[in-house]
Amino acid sequence: MDHSLSLISIGIVAFASTNVDDLVMLIALFIDRSYRPSHIVIGQFAGMLGLIALSLAGSLLALIVPTAYIGFVGCVPIAIGLCRFWRGRGTTEPDRPVRGTSSVATATLVTLANGGDNLSLYIPLFSIHRGGETLGLVAIFLVLTGLWCVTGFALARPRFLGWEIGKWGEAVLPYVMIAIGIYIFVKTDVLTVFEG
């Protein structure tokens, strides 16, 4: 029993410590009315499953894509931010929904790009646990991914606990997405690819 509680605690701490920035990203995506919430959730789960698969491969085969190369996907949130910035200037047209495949792919790619710290922690974590324990950790990560989606969706509502988030959310969204992209570049040391 104590061992199970210990594993759950480890899983919660590992997930929370590597996904705080993902929660910010989810809030930003949910605020953008051109993305359907269901597509964002699907993309988040797909990205997390991709990170788990890469971590399992890294722990079993010691074969991992350098995080610097993953960092190039940081271009995705920057591009989204720039497009939203341009679209918000001088236009009163309502947001048109992004095609399902595009919005799912966007959420998936941003989650993967933002997963450098996930890989650096999950690989050694998976490598020191046996099969059943690893499956337990995977289950914990997936449950918490769902919780993250619910929390991000709640915080992105026009009014949450009396805060009128929607009024300023649209205005700051482009800057948040650009900042996330730059953060990904810095966190993954993407410039090291060009060295040497």
C-alpha atoms as a PDB file:
ATOM      1  CA  MET A   1       0.000   0.000   0.000  1.00  0.00           C
ATOM      2  CA  ASP A   2       2.779   2.394   0.958  1.00  0.00           C
ATOM      3  CA  HIS A   3       4.589   1.521  -2.261  1.00  0.00           C
ATOM      4  CA  SER A   4       1.488   2.359  -4.325  1.00  0.00           C
ATOM      5  CA  LEU A   5       1.082   5.702  -2.555  1.00  0.00           C
ATOM      6  CA  SER A   6       4.756   6.419  -3.130  1.00  0.00           C
ATOM      7  CA  LEU A   7       4.414   5.663  -6.855  1.00  0.00           C
ATOM      8  CA  ILE A   8       1.334   7.890  -7.123  1.00  0.00           C
ATOM      9  CA  SER A   9       3.161  10.711  -5.330  1.00  0.00           C
ATOM     10  CA  ILE A  10       6.162  10.356  -7.641  1.00  0.00           C
ATOM     11  CA  GLY A  11       3.879  10.404 -10.688  1.00  0.00           C
ATOM     12  CA  ILE A  12       2.010  13.508  -9.537  1.00  0.00           C
ATOM     13  CA  VAL A  13       5.188  15.420  -8.702  1.00  0.00           C
ATOM     14  CA  ALA A  14       6.867  14.388 -11.969  1.00  0.00           C
ATOM     15  CA  PHE A  15       3.861  15.441 -14.058  1.00  0.00           C
ATOM     16  CA  ALA A  16       3.147  18.711 -12.252  1.00  0.00           C
ATOM     17  CA  SER A  17       6.793  19.835 -12.249  1.00  0.00           C
ATOM     18  CA  THR A  18       7.147  19.293 -16.013  1.00  0.00           C
ATOM     19  CA  ASN A  19       3.748  20.553 -17.184  1.00  0.00           C
ATOM     20  CA  VAL A  20       3.149  23.929 -15.535  1.00  0.00           C
ATOM     21  CA  ASP A  21       4.001  25.610 -18.859  1.00  0.00           C
ATOM     22  CA  ASP A  22       1.594  23.229 -20.631  1.00  0.00           C
ATOM     23  CA  LEU A  23      -1.241  24.582 -18.492  1.00  0.00           C
ATOM     24  CA  VAL A  24      -0.443  28.117 -19.671  1.00  0.00           C
ATOM     25  CA  MET A  25      -0.401  26.854 -23.260  1.00  0.00           C
ATOM     26  CA  LEU A  26      -3.766  25.128 -22.805  1.00  0.00           C
ATOM     27  CA  ILE A  27      -5.362  28.281 -21.395  1.00  0.00           C
ATOM     28  CA  ALA A  28      -4.059  30.252 -24.387  1.00  0.00           C
ATOM     29  CA  LEU A  29      -5.450  27.717 -26.866  1.00  0.00           C
ATOM     30  CA  PHE A  30      -8.827  27.475 -25.122  1.00  0.00           C
ATOM     31  CA  ILE A  31      -9.156  31.280 -25.174  1.00  0.00           C
ATOM     32  CA  ASP A  32      -8.713  31.221 -28.963  1.00  0.00           C
ATOM     33  CA  ARG A  33     -12.290  30.702 -30.187  1.00  0.00           C
ATOM     34  CA  SER A  34     -11.106  29.490 -33.590  1.00  0.00           C
ATOM     35  CA  TYR A  35     -10.033  26.194 -31.967  1.00  0.00           C
ATOM     36  CA  ARG A  36     -12.616  23.686 -30.826  1.00  0.00           C
ATOM     37  CA  PRO A  37     -12.023  22.563 -27.224  1.00  0.00           C
ATOM     38  CA  SER A  38     -12.404  18.895 -28.219  1.00  0.00           C
ATOM     39  CA  HIS A  39      -9.590  19.267 -30.781  1.00  0.00           C
ATOM     40  CA  ILE A  40      -7.321  20.884 -28.197  1.00  0.00           C
ATOM     41  CA  VAL A  41      -7.977  18.020 -25.760  1.00  0.00           C
ATOM     42  CA  ILE A  42      -7.306  15.398 -28.455  1.00  0.00           C
ATOM     43  CA  GLY A  43      -4.087  17.186 -29.432  1.00  0.00           C
ATOM     44  CA  GLN A  44      -2.948  17.443 -25.819  1.00  0.00           C
ATOM     45  CA  PHE A  45      -3.491  13.730 -25.239  1.00  0.00           C
ATOM     46  CA  ALA A  46      -1.793  12.872 -28.552  1.00  0.00           C
ATOM     47  CA  GLY A  47       1.205  15.017 -27.638  1.00  0.00           C
ATOM     48  CA  MET A  48       1.450  13.498 -24.165  1.00  0.00           C
ATOM     49  CA  LEU A  49       1.224   9.968 -25.603  1.00  0.00           C
ATOM     50  CA  GLY A  50       3.996  10.911 -28.024  1.00  0.00           C
ATOM     51  CA  LEU A  51       6.193  12.135 -25.156  1.00  0.00           C
ATOM     52  CA  ILE A  52       5.470   8.950 -23.183  1.00  0.00           C
ATOM     53  CA  ALA A  53       6.329   6.798 -26.220  1.00  0.00           C
ATOM     54  CA  LEU A  54       9.608   8.688 -26.765  1.00  0.00           C
ATOM     55  CA  SER A  55      10.434   8.362 -23.072  1.00  0.00           C
ATOM     56  CA  LEU A  56       9.747   4.615 -23.119  1.00  0.00           C
ATOM     57  CA  ALA A  57      11.910   4.241 -26.226  1.00  0.00           C
ATOM     58  CA  GLY A  58      14.643   6.281 -24.600  1.00  0.00           C
ATOM     59  CA  SER A  59      14.552   4.213 -21.419  1.00  0.00           C
ATOM     60  CA  LEU A  60      14.548   0.892 -23.290  1.00  0.00           C
ATOM     61  CA  LEU A  61      16.829   1.603 -26.233  1.00  0.00           C
ATOM     62  CA  ALA A  62      18.717   4.720 -25.153  1.00  0.00           C
ATOM     63  CA  LEU A  63      17.541   6.134 -28.473  1.00  0.00           C
ATOM     64  CA  ILE A  64      16.223   9.645 -28.147  1.00  0.00           C
ATOM     65  CA  VAL A  65      15.835  12.648 -30.395  1.00  0.00           C
ATOM     66  CA  PRO A  66      18.036  15.454 -29.011  1.00  0.00           C
ATOM     67  CA  THR A  67      15.846  18.034 -27.311  1.00  0.00           C
ATOM     68  CA  ALA A  68      17.529  20.762 -29.388  1.00  0.00           C
ATOM     69  CA  TYR A  69      15.870  19.344 -32.522  1.00  0.00           C
ATOM     70  CA  ILE A  70      12.521  19.038 -30.771  1.00  0.00           C
ATOM     71  CA  GLY A  71      12.871  22.719 -29.953  1.00  0.00           C
ATOM     72  CA  PHE A  72      12.420  23.694 -33.609  1.00  0.00           C
ATOM     73  CA  VAL A  73       8.718  22.950 -33.200  1.00  0.00           C
ATOM     74  CA  GLY A  74       8.704  26.106 -31.062  1.00  0.00           C
ATOM     75  CA  CYS A  75       8.137  27.830 -34.399  1.00  0.00           C
ATOM     76  CA  VAL A  76       4.513  26.588 -34.239  1.00  0.00           C
ATOM     77  CA  PRO A  77       3.298  28.735 -31.294  1.00  0.00           C
ATOM     78  CA  ILE A  78       5.297  31.712 -32.604  1.00  0.00           C
ATOM     79  CA  ALA A  79       3.584  31.383 -35.997  1.00  0.00           C
ATOM     80  CA  ILE A  80       0.191  31.115 -34.284  1.00  0.00           C
ATOM     81  CA  GLY A  81       0.927  34.217 -32.226  1.00  0.00           C
ATOM     82  CA  LEU A  82       2.026  36.230 -35.258  1.00  0.00           C
ATOM     83  CA  CYS A  83      -1.054  35.162 -37.252  1.00  0.00           C
ATOM     84  CA  ARG A  84      -3.350  36.075 -34.366  1.00  0.00           C
ATOM     85  CA  PHE A  85      -1.573  39.422 -33.990  1.00  0.00           C
ATOM     86  CA  TRP A  86      -2.053  40.271 -37.666  1.00  0.00           C
ATOM     87  CA  ARG A  87      -5.619  38.978 -37.750  1.00  0.00           C
ATOM     88  CA  GLY A  88      -6.500  41.097 -34.712  1.00  0.00           C
ATOM     89  CA  ARG A  89      -5.360  44.339 -36.344  1.00  0.00           C
ATOM     90  CA  GLY A  90      -7.927  46.295 -38.297  1.00  0.00           C
ATOM     91  CA  THR A  91     -10.514  43.529 -38.602  1.00  0.00           C
ATOM     92  CA  THR A  92     -13.869  42.958 -36.951  1.00  0.00           C
ATOM     93  CA  GLU A  93     -14.581  39.608 -38.623  1.00  0.00           C
ATOM     94  CA  PRO A  94     -15.516  36.813 -36.216  1.00  0.00           C
ATOM     95  CA  ASP A  95     -13.029  34.031 -35.735  1.00  0.00           C
ATOM     96  CA  ARG A  96     -13.504  31.178 -38.170  1.00  0.00           C
ATOM     97  CA  PRO A  97     -12.975  27.688 -36.801  1.00  0.00           C
ATOM     98  CA  VAL A  98      -9.672  26.090 -37.722  1.00  0.00           C
ATOM     99  CA  ARG A  99     -10.055  22.771 -39.535  1.00  0.00           C
ATOM    100  CA  GLY A 100     -10.133  19.852 -37.117  1.00  0.00           C
ATOM    101  CA  THR A 101      -6.946  18.221 -38.365  1.00  0.00           C
ATOM    102  CA  SER A 102      -5.083  21.550 -38.224  1.00  0.00           C
ATOM    103  CA  SER A 103      -6.139  22.404 -34.674  1.00  0.00           C
ATOM    104  CA  VAL A 104      -5.423  18.878 -33.394  1.00  0.00           C
ATOM    105  CA  ALA A 105      -2.017  18.940 -35.102  1.00  0.00           C
ATOM    106  CA  THR A 106      -1.256  22.369 -33.634  1.00  0.00           C
ATOM    107  CA  ALA A 107      -2.048  21.281 -30.072  1.00  0.00           C
ATOM    108  CA  THR A 108      -0.082  18.040 -30.565  1.00  0.00           C
ATOM    109  CA  LEU A 109       2.995  19.768 -31.989  1.00  0.00           C
ATOM    110  CA  VAL A 110       3.063  22.452 -29.297  1.00  0.00           C
ATOM    111  CA  THR A 111       2.766  19.792 -26.585  1.00  0.00           C
ATOM    112  CA  LEU A 112       5.619  17.780 -28.138  1.00  0.00           C
ATOM    113  CA  ALA A 113       7.756  20.885 -28.626  1.00  0.00           C
ATOM    114  CA  ASN A 114       7.215  21.864 -25.024  1.00  0.00           C
ATOM    115  CA  GLY A 115       8.199  18.394 -23.779  1.00  0.00           C
ATOM    116  CA  GLY A 116      11.965  18.626 -23.437  1.00  0.00           C
ATOM    117  CA  ASP A 117      11.796  18.631 -19.643  1.00  0.00           C
ATOM    118  CA  ASN A 118       9.250  15.800 -19.761  1.00  0.00           C
ATOM    119  CA  LEU A 119      11.714  13.618 -21.671  1.00  0.00           C
ATOM    120  CA  SER A 120      14.629  14.482 -19.400  1.00  0.00           C
ATOM    121  CA  LEU A 121      12.621  13.394 -16.345  1.00  0.00           C
ATOM    122  CA  TYR A 122      10.437  10.568 -17.706  1.00  0.00           C
ATOM    123  CA  ILE A 123      13.279   8.597 -19.334  1.00  0.00           C
ATOM    124  CA  PRO A 124      15.232   7.987 -16.104  1.00  0.00           C
ATOM    125  CA  LEU A 125      11.944   7.567 -14.215  1.00  0.00           C
ATOM    126  CA  PHE A 126      10.781   4.811 -16.575  1.00  0.00           C
ATOM    127  CA  SER A 127      14.203   3.174 -16.638  1.00  0.00           C
ATOM    128  CA  ILE A 128      14.268   2.587 -12.857  1.00  0.00           C
ATOM    129  CA  HIS A 129      10.754   1.105 -12.616  1.00  0.00           C
ATOM    130  CA  ARG A 130       9.495  -2.306 -13.676  1.00  0.00           C
ATOM    131  CA  GLY A 131       6.763  -2.926 -16.246  1.00  0.00           C
ATOM    132  CA  GLY A 132       3.769  -2.730 -13.908  1.00  0.00           C
ATOM    133  CA  GLU A 133       5.086   0.353 -12.158  1.00  0.00           C
ATOM    134  CA  THR A 134       5.796   2.043 -15.485  1.00  0.00           C
ATOM    135  CA  LEU A 135       2.233   1.334 -16.622  1.00  0.00           C
ATOM    136  CA  GLY A 136       1.039   2.873 -13.362  1.00  0.00           C
ATOM    137  CA  LEU A 137       3.054   6.016 -14.019  1.00  0.00           C
ATOM    138  CA  VAL A 138       1.684   6.210 -17.572  1.00  0.00           C
ATOM    139  CA  ALA A 139      -1.879   5.913 -16.210  1.00  0.00           C
ATOM    140  CA  ILE A 140      -1.192   8.693 -13.684  1.00  0.00           C
ATOM    141  CA  PHE A 141       0.193  10.954 -16.416  1.00  0.00           C
ATOM    142  CA  LEU A 142      -2.872  10.399 -18.609  1.00  0.00           C
ATOM    143  CA  VAL A 143      -5.322  11.055 -15.761  1.00  0.00           C
ATOM    144  CA  LEU A 144      -3.470  14.261 -14.893  1.00  0.00           C
ATOM    145  CA  THR A 145      -3.464  15.284 -18.571  1.00  0.00           C
ATOM    146  CA  GLY A 146      -7.267  15.138 -18.418  1.00  0.00           C
ATOM    147  CA  LEU A 147      -7.228  17.214 -15.227  1.00  0.00           C
ATOM    148  CA  TRP A 148      -4.921  19.744 -16.904  1.00  0.00           C
ATOM    149  CA  CYS A 149      -7.365  20.042 -19.833  1.00  0.00           C
ATOM    150  CA  VAL A 150     -10.331  20.591 -17.499  1.00  0.00           C
ATOM    151  CA  THR A 151      -8.390  23.195 -15.498  1.00  0.00           C
ATOM    152  CA  GLY A 152      -7.183  25.012 -18.616  1.00  0.00           C
ATOM    153  CA  PHE A 153     -10.712  25.054 -20.050  1.00  0.00           C
ATOM    154  CA  ALA A 154     -12.155  26.414 -16.779  1.00  0.00           C
ATOM    155  CA  LEU A 155      -9.537  29.158 -16.508  1.00  0.00           C
ATOM    156  CA  ALA A 156     -10.144  30.212 -20.121  1.00  0.00           C
ATOM    157  CA  ARG A 157     -13.870  30.848 -19.647  1.00  0.00           C
ATOM    158  CA  PRO A 158     -15.042  34.480 -20.074  1.00  0.00           C
ATOM    159  CA  ARG A 159     -15.724  34.661 -16.344  1.00  0.00           C
ATOM    160  CA  PHE A 160     -13.956  32.477 -13.802  1.00  0.00           C
ATOM    161  CA  LEU A 161     -14.362  33.153 -10.058  1.00  0.00           C
ATOM    162  CA  GLY A 162     -15.407  36.691 -10.966  1.00  0.00           C
ATOM    163  CA  TRP A 163     -12.418  37.342 -13.220  1.00  0.00           C
ATOM    164  CA  GLU A 164     -13.308  38.569 -16.691  1.00  0.00           C
ATOM    165  CA  ILE A 165     -10.574  36.566 -18.391  1.00  0.00           C
ATOM    166  CA  GLY A 166     -12.159  36.642 -21.821  1.00  0.00           C
ATOM    167  CA  LYS A 167     -11.885  40.429 -22.136  1.00  0.00           C
ATOM    168  CA  TRP A 168      -8.129  40.509 -21.868  1.00  0.00           C
ATOM    169  CA  GLY A 169      -7.480  36.943 -23.024  1.00  0.00           C
ATOM    170  CA  GLU A 170      -7.958  37.682 -26.723  1.00  0.00           C
ATOM    171  CA  ALA A 171      -5.648  40.698 -26.498  1.00  0.00           C
ATOM    172  CA  VAL A 172      -2.771  38.894 -24.798  1.00  0.00           C
ATOM    173  CA  LEU A 173      -3.122  35.581 -26.677  1.00  0.00           C
ATOM    174  CA  PRO A 174      -0.633  36.443 -29.486  1.00  0.00           C
ATOM    175  CA  TYR A 175       1.995  37.528 -26.957  1.00  0.00           C
ATOM    176  CA  VAL A 176       1.467  34.409 -24.832  1.00  0.00           C
ATOM    177  CA  MET A 177       1.924  32.110 -27.840  1.00  0.00           C
ATOM    178  CA  ILE A 178       5.058  33.948 -29.026  1.00  0.00           C
ATOM    179  CA  ALA A 179       6.468  33.831 -25.481  1.00  0.00           C
ATOM    180  CA  ILE A 180       5.804  30.066 -25.305  1.00  0.00           C
ATOM    181  CA  GLY A 181       7.671  29.580 -28.592  1.00  0.00           C
ATOM    182  CA  ILE A 182      10.670  31.587 -27.374  1.00  0.00           C
ATOM    183  CA  TYR A 183      10.569  29.708 -24.068  1.00  0.00           C
ATOM    184  CA  ILE A 184      10.710  26.405 -25.964  1.00  0.00           C
ATOM    185  CA  PHE A 185      13.743  27.633 -27.956  1.00  0.00           C
ATOM    186  CA  VAL A 186      15.568  28.654 -24.777  1.00  0.00           C
ATOM    187  CA  LYS A 187      14.604  25.537 -22.792  1.00  0.00           C
ATOM    188  CA  THR A 188      15.739  23.136 -25.505  1.00  0.00           C
ATOM    189  CA  ASP A 189      18.960  25.033 -26.372  1.00  0.00           C
ATOM    190  CA  VAL A 190      17.901  25.013 -30.020  1.00  0.00           C
ATOM    191  CA  LEU A 191      20.838  27.247 -31.034  1.00  0.00           C
ATOM    192  CA  THR A 192      23.301  24.483 -30.148  1.00  0.00           C
ATOM    193  CA  VAL A 193      22.237  22.750 -33.374  1.00  0.00           C
ATOM    194  CA  PHE A 194      24.104  25.429 -35.326  1.00  0.00           C
ATOM    195  CA  GLU A 195      27.268  25.255 -33.225  1.00  0.00           C
ATOM    196  CA  GLY A 196      30.333  23.429 -34.394  1.00  0.00           C
END
